Amino acid sequence: MQMSNKNVIPNTVDNFGSKGKVRELEPDENTITPENYESHADKLPRPTGYRILILPFTLPSTTKGGIQLARQTIDKERLSTVVGHVVALGPDAYGDTIKFPEGPWCKKGDWVIFGRYAGARFQIEGGDMRLLNDDEILAVVDDPEAIIS
């Protein structure tokens, strides 16, 4: 009897079950996003001095082509992103007219670019945040998805 070297591709794949809790890809009501951060103001730290509170950019869970991204991919991109949403500015941010003669480099609600390792990273209930110094903002962007880290 002769063996076939032909690979057989099954029509279905068995479900081997989940090894733990499955995390939802879509944000829930506790997840802080650029659209809802003001409703979570009681959770957010208030930046002091010349610091700026940043919400790092998170990729959408589905690409424009309809591909569903894995949670691990989304988490990895969020940790390595160089783009964020300005949530709050400390009272002294951009107050130095000698250092910032042209005025503030960004304002609340802007999408900004910052150095990969800039600022302090921390987590609160609802997501990751960063605190940056006012002079660590490198640029303001209109579309955070256009920036490839």
N, C-alpha and C. Protein backbone atom coordinates (compact mmCIF):
# COMPACT_ATOMS: atom_id res chain seq x y z
N MET A 1 0.84 -1.17 0.00
CA MET A 1 0.00 0.00 0.00
C MET A 1 0.88 1.24 0.00
N GLN A 2 0.58 2.20 -0.85
CA GLN A 2 1.40 3.41 -0.99
C GLN A 2 0.76 4.55 -0.19
N MET A 3 1.61 5.26 0.60
CA MET A 3 1.15 6.39 1.42
C MET A 3 1.13 7.65 0.55
N SER A 4 0.16 8.47 0.77
CA SER A 4 0.05 9.72 0.04
C SER A 4 0.79 10.82 0.78
N ASN A 5 1.53 11.64 0.06
CA ASN A 5 2.24 12.78 0.65
C ASN A 5 1.37 14.04 0.65
N LYS A 6 0.15 13.88 0.29
CA LYS A 6 -0.77 15.00 0.17
C LYS A 6 -1.31 15.38 1.55
N ASN A 7 -1.24 16.69 1.88
CA ASN A 7 -1.80 17.17 3.14
C ASN A 7 -3.30 17.34 3.00
N VAL A 8 -4.01 16.94 4.02
CA VAL A 8 -5.45 17.08 4.03
C VAL A 8 -5.81 18.24 4.94
N ILE A 9 -6.57 19.17 4.42
CA ILE A 9 -6.99 20.33 5.21
C ILE A 9 -8.41 20.08 5.68
N PRO A 10 -8.62 20.10 7.01
CA PRO A 10 -9.97 19.83 7.51
C PRO A 10 -10.93 20.97 7.18
N ASN A 11 -12.21 20.63 7.10
CA ASN A 11 -13.25 21.63 6.85
C ASN A 11 -13.58 22.43 8.10
N THR A 12 -13.35 21.85 9.26
CA THR A 12 -13.64 22.52 10.53
C THR A 12 -12.46 22.35 11.47
N VAL A 13 -12.42 23.18 12.49
CA VAL A 13 -11.39 23.09 13.51
C VAL A 13 -12.08 22.91 14.85
N ASP A 14 -11.60 21.94 15.62
CA ASP A 14 -12.19 21.70 16.94
C ASP A 14 -11.92 22.88 17.86
N ASN A 15 -12.86 23.16 18.72
CA ASN A 15 -12.69 24.20 19.73
C ASN A 15 -12.11 23.53 20.97
N PHE A 16 -10.90 23.91 21.33
CA PHE A 16 -10.24 23.30 22.46
C PHE A 16 -10.54 24.01 23.77
N GLY A 17 -11.39 24.99 23.73
CA GLY A 17 -11.79 25.68 24.96
C GLY A 17 -10.83 26.79 25.32
N SER A 18 -11.23 27.55 26.30
CA SER A 18 -10.45 28.71 26.74
C SER A 18 -9.62 28.33 27.95
N LYS A 19 -8.41 28.83 28.01
CA LYS A 19 -7.54 28.60 29.16
C LYS A 19 -7.59 29.83 30.06
N GLY A 20 -8.71 30.09 30.64
CA GLY A 20 -8.85 31.26 31.49
C GLY A 20 -9.95 32.17 30.98
N LYS A 21 -10.04 33.31 31.62
CA LYS A 21 -11.08 34.27 31.28
C LYS A 21 -10.79 34.92 29.93
N VAL A 22 -11.78 34.99 29.08
CA VAL A 22 -11.63 35.64 27.79
C VAL A 22 -11.90 37.12 27.97
N ARG A 23 -10.97 37.96 27.52
CA ARG A 23 -11.13 39.40 27.64
C ARG A 23 -11.86 39.93 26.42
N GLU A 24 -12.81 40.78 26.65
CA GLU A 24 -13.54 41.39 25.55
C GLU A 24 -12.64 42.36 24.81
N LEU A 25 -12.73 42.41 23.49
CA LEU A 25 -11.91 43.32 22.71
C LEU A 25 -12.47 44.73 22.69
N GLU A 26 -13.77 44.87 22.76
CA GLU A 26 -14.36 46.21 22.76
C GLU A 26 -14.30 46.79 24.16
N PRO A 27 -14.03 48.09 24.28
CA PRO A 27 -13.97 48.69 25.60
C PRO A 27 -15.33 48.65 26.29
N ASP A 28 -15.30 48.45 27.62
CA ASP A 28 -16.55 48.50 28.37
C ASP A 28 -16.72 49.89 28.96
N GLU A 29 -17.74 50.08 29.78
CA GLU A 29 -18.02 51.41 30.31
C GLU A 29 -16.95 51.91 31.27
N ASN A 30 -16.11 51.00 31.81
CA ASN A 30 -15.04 51.41 32.73
C ASN A 30 -13.75 51.79 32.01
N THR A 31 -13.64 51.46 30.73
CA THR A 31 -12.45 51.78 29.97
C THR A 31 -12.44 53.26 29.62
N ILE A 32 -11.33 53.92 29.93
CA ILE A 32 -11.22 55.34 29.64
C ILE A 32 -10.78 55.52 28.19
N THR A 33 -11.55 56.30 27.45
CA THR A 33 -11.27 56.58 26.04
C THR A 33 -11.26 58.09 25.83
N PRO A 34 -10.75 58.55 24.69
CA PRO A 34 -10.79 59.99 24.42
C PRO A 34 -12.22 60.55 24.39
N GLU A 35 -13.18 59.70 24.10
CA GLU A 35 -14.57 60.16 24.03
C GLU A 35 -15.24 60.27 25.40
N ASN A 36 -14.77 59.49 26.39
CA ASN A 36 -15.49 59.47 27.68
C ASN A 36 -14.65 59.86 28.89
N TYR A 37 -13.42 60.34 28.68
CA TYR A 37 -12.55 60.59 29.84
C TYR A 37 -13.11 61.62 30.81
N GLU A 38 -13.91 62.56 30.33
CA GLU A 38 -14.46 63.58 31.22
C GLU A 38 -15.46 62.97 32.21
N SER A 39 -16.13 61.90 31.83
CA SER A 39 -17.06 61.25 32.76
C SER A 39 -16.33 60.42 33.81
N HIS A 40 -15.02 60.22 33.63
CA HIS A 40 -14.20 59.49 34.59
C HIS A 40 -13.27 60.44 35.35
N ALA A 41 -13.60 61.71 35.39
CA ALA A 41 -12.72 62.72 35.98
C ALA A 41 -12.37 62.41 37.44
N ASP A 42 -13.28 61.77 38.16
CA ASP A 42 -13.01 61.45 39.56
C ASP A 42 -11.91 60.40 39.72
N LYS A 43 -11.67 59.58 38.70
CA LYS A 43 -10.62 58.55 38.74
C LYS A 43 -9.26 59.10 38.32
N LEU A 44 -9.27 60.16 37.53
CA LEU A 44 -8.04 60.65 36.91
C LEU A 44 -7.22 61.50 37.86
N PRO A 45 -5.91 61.28 37.86
CA PRO A 45 -5.05 62.16 38.66
C PRO A 45 -5.01 63.56 38.03
N ARG A 46 -4.85 64.58 38.86
CA ARG A 46 -4.73 65.95 38.36
C ARG A 46 -3.25 66.28 38.27
N PRO A 47 -2.74 66.58 37.08
CA PRO A 47 -1.32 66.89 36.96
C PRO A 47 -0.98 68.16 37.73
N THR A 48 0.18 68.14 38.35
CA THR A 48 0.66 69.31 39.09
C THR A 48 1.80 69.95 38.33
N GLY A 49 2.09 71.19 38.67
CA GLY A 49 3.22 71.88 38.06
C GLY A 49 3.09 71.96 36.56
N TYR A 50 4.16 71.58 35.87
CA TYR A 50 4.23 71.69 34.42
C TYR A 50 3.98 70.34 33.73
N ARG A 51 3.28 69.44 34.40
CA ARG A 51 3.03 68.11 33.85
C ARG A 51 1.75 68.09 33.01
N ILE A 52 1.70 67.09 32.09
CA ILE A 52 0.54 66.90 31.20
C ILE A 52 0.09 65.45 31.33
N LEU A 53 -1.20 65.23 31.54
CA LEU A 53 -1.77 63.89 31.62
C LEU A 53 -2.18 63.45 30.22
N ILE A 54 -1.68 62.27 29.82
CA ILE A 54 -1.87 61.74 28.47
C ILE A 54 -2.55 60.38 28.53
N LEU A 55 -3.53 60.18 27.66
CA LEU A 55 -4.16 58.87 27.46
C LEU A 55 -3.54 58.28 26.20
N PRO A 56 -2.73 57.21 26.33
CA PRO A 56 -2.09 56.64 25.14
C PRO A 56 -3.11 56.13 24.12
N PHE A 57 -2.74 56.27 22.85
CA PHE A 57 -3.59 55.82 21.74
C PHE A 57 -3.72 54.30 21.78
N THR A 58 -4.93 53.81 21.55
CA THR A 58 -5.20 52.38 21.46
C THR A 58 -5.76 52.08 20.08
N LEU A 59 -5.17 51.09 19.43
CA LEU A 59 -5.65 50.67 18.11
C LEU A 59 -7.10 50.21 18.19
N PRO A 60 -7.88 50.46 17.16
CA PRO A 60 -9.22 49.85 17.11
C PRO A 60 -9.07 48.33 17.06
N SER A 61 -10.03 47.61 17.61
CA SER A 61 -9.93 46.15 17.66
C SER A 61 -10.12 45.50 16.29
N THR A 62 -10.68 46.23 15.34
CA THR A 62 -10.87 45.72 13.98
C THR A 62 -10.22 46.69 13.00
N THR A 63 -9.41 46.16 12.09
CA THR A 63 -8.74 47.00 11.10
C THR A 63 -9.74 47.51 10.07
N LYS A 64 -9.31 48.46 9.26
CA LYS A 64 -10.17 49.00 8.21
C LYS A 64 -10.57 47.91 7.21
N GLY A 65 -9.73 46.88 7.08
CA GLY A 65 -10.02 45.77 6.18
C GLY A 65 -10.90 44.70 6.80
N GLY A 66 -11.28 44.87 8.08
CA GLY A 66 -12.18 43.93 8.74
C GLY A 66 -11.49 42.83 9.52
N ILE A 67 -10.18 42.91 9.69
CA ILE A 67 -9.45 41.88 10.43
C ILE A 67 -9.54 42.19 11.92
N GLN A 68 -9.93 41.18 12.71
CA GLN A 68 -10.03 41.32 14.16
C GLN A 68 -8.64 41.13 14.77
N LEU A 69 -8.15 42.14 15.49
CA LEU A 69 -6.83 42.06 16.11
C LEU A 69 -6.91 41.33 17.45
N ALA A 70 -5.87 40.59 17.76
CA ALA A 70 -5.80 39.89 19.04
C ALA A 70 -5.57 40.90 20.17
N ARG A 71 -6.08 40.60 21.35
CA ARG A 71 -5.89 41.47 22.52
C ARG A 71 -4.40 41.70 22.76
N GLN A 72 -3.59 40.66 22.60
CA GLN A 72 -2.15 40.78 22.82
C GLN A 72 -1.54 41.83 21.87
N THR A 73 -1.97 41.87 20.64
CA THR A 73 -1.48 42.85 19.67
C THR A 73 -1.88 44.26 20.09
N ILE A 74 -3.12 44.43 20.50
CA ILE A 74 -3.60 45.74 20.92
C ILE A 74 -2.84 46.22 22.15
N ASP A 75 -2.65 45.33 23.13
CA ASP A 75 -1.92 45.70 24.35
C ASP A 75 -0.47 46.06 24.05
N LYS A 76 0.17 45.30 23.17
CA LYS A 76 1.57 45.57 22.81
C LYS A 76 1.70 46.93 22.14
N GLU A 77 0.80 47.23 21.22
CA GLU A 77 0.83 48.52 20.53
C GLU A 77 0.57 49.68 21.49
N ARG A 78 -0.35 49.48 22.43
CA ARG A 78 -0.65 50.55 23.39
C ARG A 78 0.56 50.85 24.27
N LEU A 79 1.31 49.82 24.65
CA LEU A 79 2.49 50.03 25.48
C LEU A 79 3.62 50.70 24.73
N SER A 80 3.71 50.46 23.43
CA SER A 80 4.83 51.02 22.66
C SER A 80 4.46 52.26 21.86
N THR A 81 3.25 52.75 22.02
CA THR A 81 2.81 53.89 21.21
C THR A 81 3.56 55.17 21.56
N VAL A 82 3.67 56.04 20.59
CA VAL A 82 4.28 57.36 20.79
C VAL A 82 3.23 58.46 20.57
N VAL A 83 1.96 58.06 20.55
CA VAL A 83 0.86 59.00 20.32
C VAL A 83 -0.10 58.93 21.50
N GLY A 84 -0.62 60.08 21.90
CA GLY A 84 -1.58 60.10 23.00
C GLY A 84 -2.51 61.30 22.92
N HIS A 85 -3.55 61.22 23.71
CA HIS A 85 -4.59 62.26 23.78
C HIS A 85 -4.36 63.09 25.05
N VAL A 86 -4.29 64.40 24.91
CA VAL A 86 -4.08 65.28 26.06
C VAL A 86 -5.37 65.36 26.86
N VAL A 87 -5.31 64.86 28.10
CA VAL A 87 -6.47 64.82 28.97
C VAL A 87 -6.51 66.04 29.89
N ALA A 88 -5.35 66.43 30.43
CA ALA A 88 -5.30 67.57 31.34
C ALA A 88 -3.90 68.15 31.38
N LEU A 89 -3.82 69.44 31.67
CA LEU A 89 -2.53 70.13 31.82
C LEU A 89 -2.43 70.67 33.23
N GLY A 90 -1.23 70.57 33.81
CA GLY A 90 -0.99 71.14 35.12
C GLY A 90 -1.08 72.66 35.06
N PRO A 91 -1.22 73.32 36.22
CA PRO A 91 -1.41 74.77 36.24
C PRO A 91 -0.22 75.56 35.70
N ASP A 92 0.97 74.98 35.73
CA ASP A 92 2.16 75.69 35.26
C ASP A 92 2.61 75.26 33.86
N ALA A 93 1.88 74.32 33.23
CA ALA A 93 2.26 73.84 31.90
C ALA A 93 2.26 75.01 30.92
N TYR A 94 3.35 75.15 30.22
CA TYR A 94 3.56 76.20 29.21
C TYR A 94 3.46 77.61 29.78
N GLY A 95 3.67 77.75 31.08
CA GLY A 95 3.61 79.06 31.70
C GLY A 95 4.89 79.86 31.58
N ASP A 96 6.00 79.19 31.26
CA ASP A 96 7.29 79.86 31.14
C ASP A 96 7.38 80.54 29.77
N THR A 97 7.25 81.85 29.74
CA THR A 97 7.25 82.58 28.46
C THR A 97 8.63 82.65 27.83
N ILE A 98 9.68 82.41 28.61
CA ILE A 98 11.03 82.38 28.03
C ILE A 98 11.23 81.06 27.29
N LYS A 99 10.79 79.97 27.90
CA LYS A 99 10.95 78.64 27.30
C LYS A 99 9.95 78.42 26.15
N PHE A 100 8.76 79.01 26.28
CA PHE A 100 7.70 78.83 25.28
C PHE A 100 7.23 80.21 24.80
N PRO A 101 8.08 80.95 24.08
CA PRO A 101 7.70 82.30 23.65
C PRO A 101 6.53 82.32 22.66
N GLU A 102 6.34 81.22 21.95
CA GLU A 102 5.24 81.13 20.97
C GLU A 102 3.93 80.71 21.63
N GLY A 103 3.97 80.38 22.91
CA GLY A 103 2.78 79.91 23.62
C GLY A 103 2.76 78.39 23.74
N PRO A 104 1.64 77.84 24.20
CA PRO A 104 1.55 76.39 24.42
C PRO A 104 1.76 75.57 23.15
N TRP A 105 2.42 74.42 23.32
CA TRP A 105 2.65 73.52 22.19
C TRP A 105 1.42 72.64 21.92
N CYS A 106 0.56 72.46 22.93
CA CYS A 106 -0.65 71.66 22.76
C CYS A 106 -1.70 72.13 23.76
N LYS A 107 -2.91 71.62 23.61
CA LYS A 107 -3.99 71.96 24.53
C LYS A 107 -4.81 70.70 24.82
N LYS A 108 -5.67 70.80 25.81
CA LYS A 108 -6.55 69.69 26.16
C LYS A 108 -7.35 69.28 24.93
N GLY A 109 -7.38 67.96 24.67
CA GLY A 109 -8.12 67.44 23.52
C GLY A 109 -7.27 67.17 22.30
N ASP A 110 -6.02 67.63 22.28
CA ASP A 110 -5.13 67.40 21.13
C ASP A 110 -4.57 65.98 21.16
N TRP A 111 -4.27 65.45 19.97
CA TRP A 111 -3.48 64.23 19.82
C TRP A 111 -2.04 64.68 19.64
N VAL A 112 -1.13 64.10 20.42
CA VAL A 112 0.26 64.53 20.39
C VAL A 112 1.20 63.35 20.22
N ILE A 113 2.42 63.66 19.77
CA ILE A 113 3.50 62.68 19.68
C ILE A 113 4.49 63.01 20.78
N PHE A 114 5.02 61.97 21.42
CA PHE A 114 6.02 62.13 22.47
C PHE A 114 7.04 61.02 22.32
N GLY A 115 8.15 61.12 23.02
CA GLY A 115 9.19 60.09 22.95
C GLY A 115 8.71 58.76 23.50
N ARG A 116 9.20 57.68 22.92
CA ARG A 116 8.77 56.34 23.32
C ARG A 116 8.92 56.09 24.82
N TYR A 117 9.98 56.59 25.41
CA TYR A 117 10.23 56.34 26.83
C TYR A 117 9.97 57.57 27.69
N ALA A 118 9.31 58.56 27.14
CA ALA A 118 9.06 59.82 27.86
C ALA A 118 7.99 59.63 28.93
N GLY A 119 8.15 60.37 30.00
CA GLY A 119 7.12 60.44 31.03
C GLY A 119 7.04 59.22 31.93
N ALA A 120 6.09 59.29 32.83
CA ALA A 120 5.84 58.20 33.79
C ALA A 120 4.59 57.45 33.35
N ARG A 121 4.72 56.13 33.22
CA ARG A 121 3.57 55.29 32.85
C ARG A 121 2.96 54.74 34.13
N PHE A 122 1.64 54.67 34.14
CA PHE A 122 0.95 54.07 35.28
C PHE A 122 -0.43 53.61 34.83
N GLN A 123 -1.02 52.74 35.65
CA GLN A 123 -2.35 52.23 35.35
C GLN A 123 -3.32 52.68 36.42
N ILE A 124 -4.52 52.99 35.98
CA ILE A 124 -5.62 53.25 36.89
C ILE A 124 -6.77 52.37 36.45
N GLU A 125 -7.80 52.30 37.27
CA GLU A 125 -8.98 51.54 36.86
C GLU A 125 -9.52 52.18 35.59
N GLY A 126 -9.50 51.46 34.53
CA GLY A 126 -9.99 51.99 33.26
C GLY A 126 -8.93 52.11 32.19
N GLY A 127 -7.65 51.93 32.55
CA GLY A 127 -6.64 51.95 31.50
C GLY A 127 -5.29 52.50 31.92
N ASP A 128 -4.42 52.59 30.91
CA ASP A 128 -3.07 53.10 31.09
C ASP A 128 -3.07 54.61 30.90
N MET A 129 -2.17 55.28 31.59
CA MET A 129 -2.02 56.73 31.47
C MET A 129 -0.53 57.05 31.48
N ARG A 130 -0.21 58.28 31.09
CA ARG A 130 1.16 58.79 31.17
C ARG A 130 1.14 60.22 31.67
N LEU A 131 2.15 60.57 32.43
CA LEU A 131 2.38 61.95 32.84
C LEU A 131 3.68 62.39 32.19
N LEU A 132 3.63 63.46 31.40
CA LEU A 132 4.80 63.99 30.71
C LEU A 132 5.04 65.42 31.14
N ASN A 133 6.29 65.84 31.02
CA ASN A 133 6.62 67.25 31.21
C ASN A 133 6.14 68.01 29.97
N ASP A 134 5.85 69.29 30.14
CA ASP A 134 5.33 70.07 29.01
C ASP A 134 6.30 70.14 27.83
N ASP A 135 7.61 70.06 28.09
CA ASP A 135 8.57 70.14 26.99
C ASP A 135 8.86 68.80 26.33
N GLU A 136 8.16 67.73 26.74
CA GLU A 136 8.34 66.42 26.13
C GLU A 136 7.38 66.17 24.96
N ILE A 137 6.50 67.11 24.70
CA ILE A 137 5.60 67.00 23.55
C ILE A 137 6.41 67.35 22.30
N LEU A 138 6.38 66.47 21.30
CA LEU A 138 7.18 66.67 20.09
C LEU A 138 6.38 67.25 18.93
N ALA A 139 5.10 66.90 18.85
CA ALA A 139 4.27 67.37 17.73
C ALA A 139 2.80 67.16 18.05
N VAL A 140 1.95 67.88 17.35
CA VAL A 140 0.50 67.69 17.42
C VAL A 140 0.08 67.06 16.10
N VAL A 141 -0.80 66.05 16.16
CA VAL A 141 -1.26 65.36 14.95
C VAL A 141 -2.79 65.37 14.90
N ASP A 142 -3.32 65.31 13.69
CA ASP A 142 -4.77 65.28 13.51
C ASP A 142 -5.33 63.86 13.60
N ASP A 143 -4.59 62.89 13.05
CA ASP A 143 -5.08 61.51 12.99
C ASP A 143 -4.07 60.58 13.66
N PRO A 144 -4.36 60.08 14.86
CA PRO A 144 -3.40 59.21 15.55
C PRO A 144 -3.16 57.90 14.81
N GLU A 145 -4.12 57.44 14.02
CA GLU A 145 -3.94 56.19 13.28
C GLU A 145 -2.96 56.33 12.13
N ALA A 146 -2.65 57.56 11.74
CA ALA A 146 -1.71 57.79 10.64
C ALA A 146 -0.26 57.64 11.09
N ILE A 147 -0.03 57.62 12.39
CA ILE A 147 1.33 57.51 12.92
C ILE A 147 1.67 56.05 13.15
N ILE A 148 2.73 55.60 12.52
CA ILE A 148 3.20 54.23 12.70
C ILE A 148 4.40 54.30 13.62
N SER A 149 4.28 53.68 14.80
CA SER A 149 5.36 53.78 15.78
C SER A 149 6.54 53.03 15.33
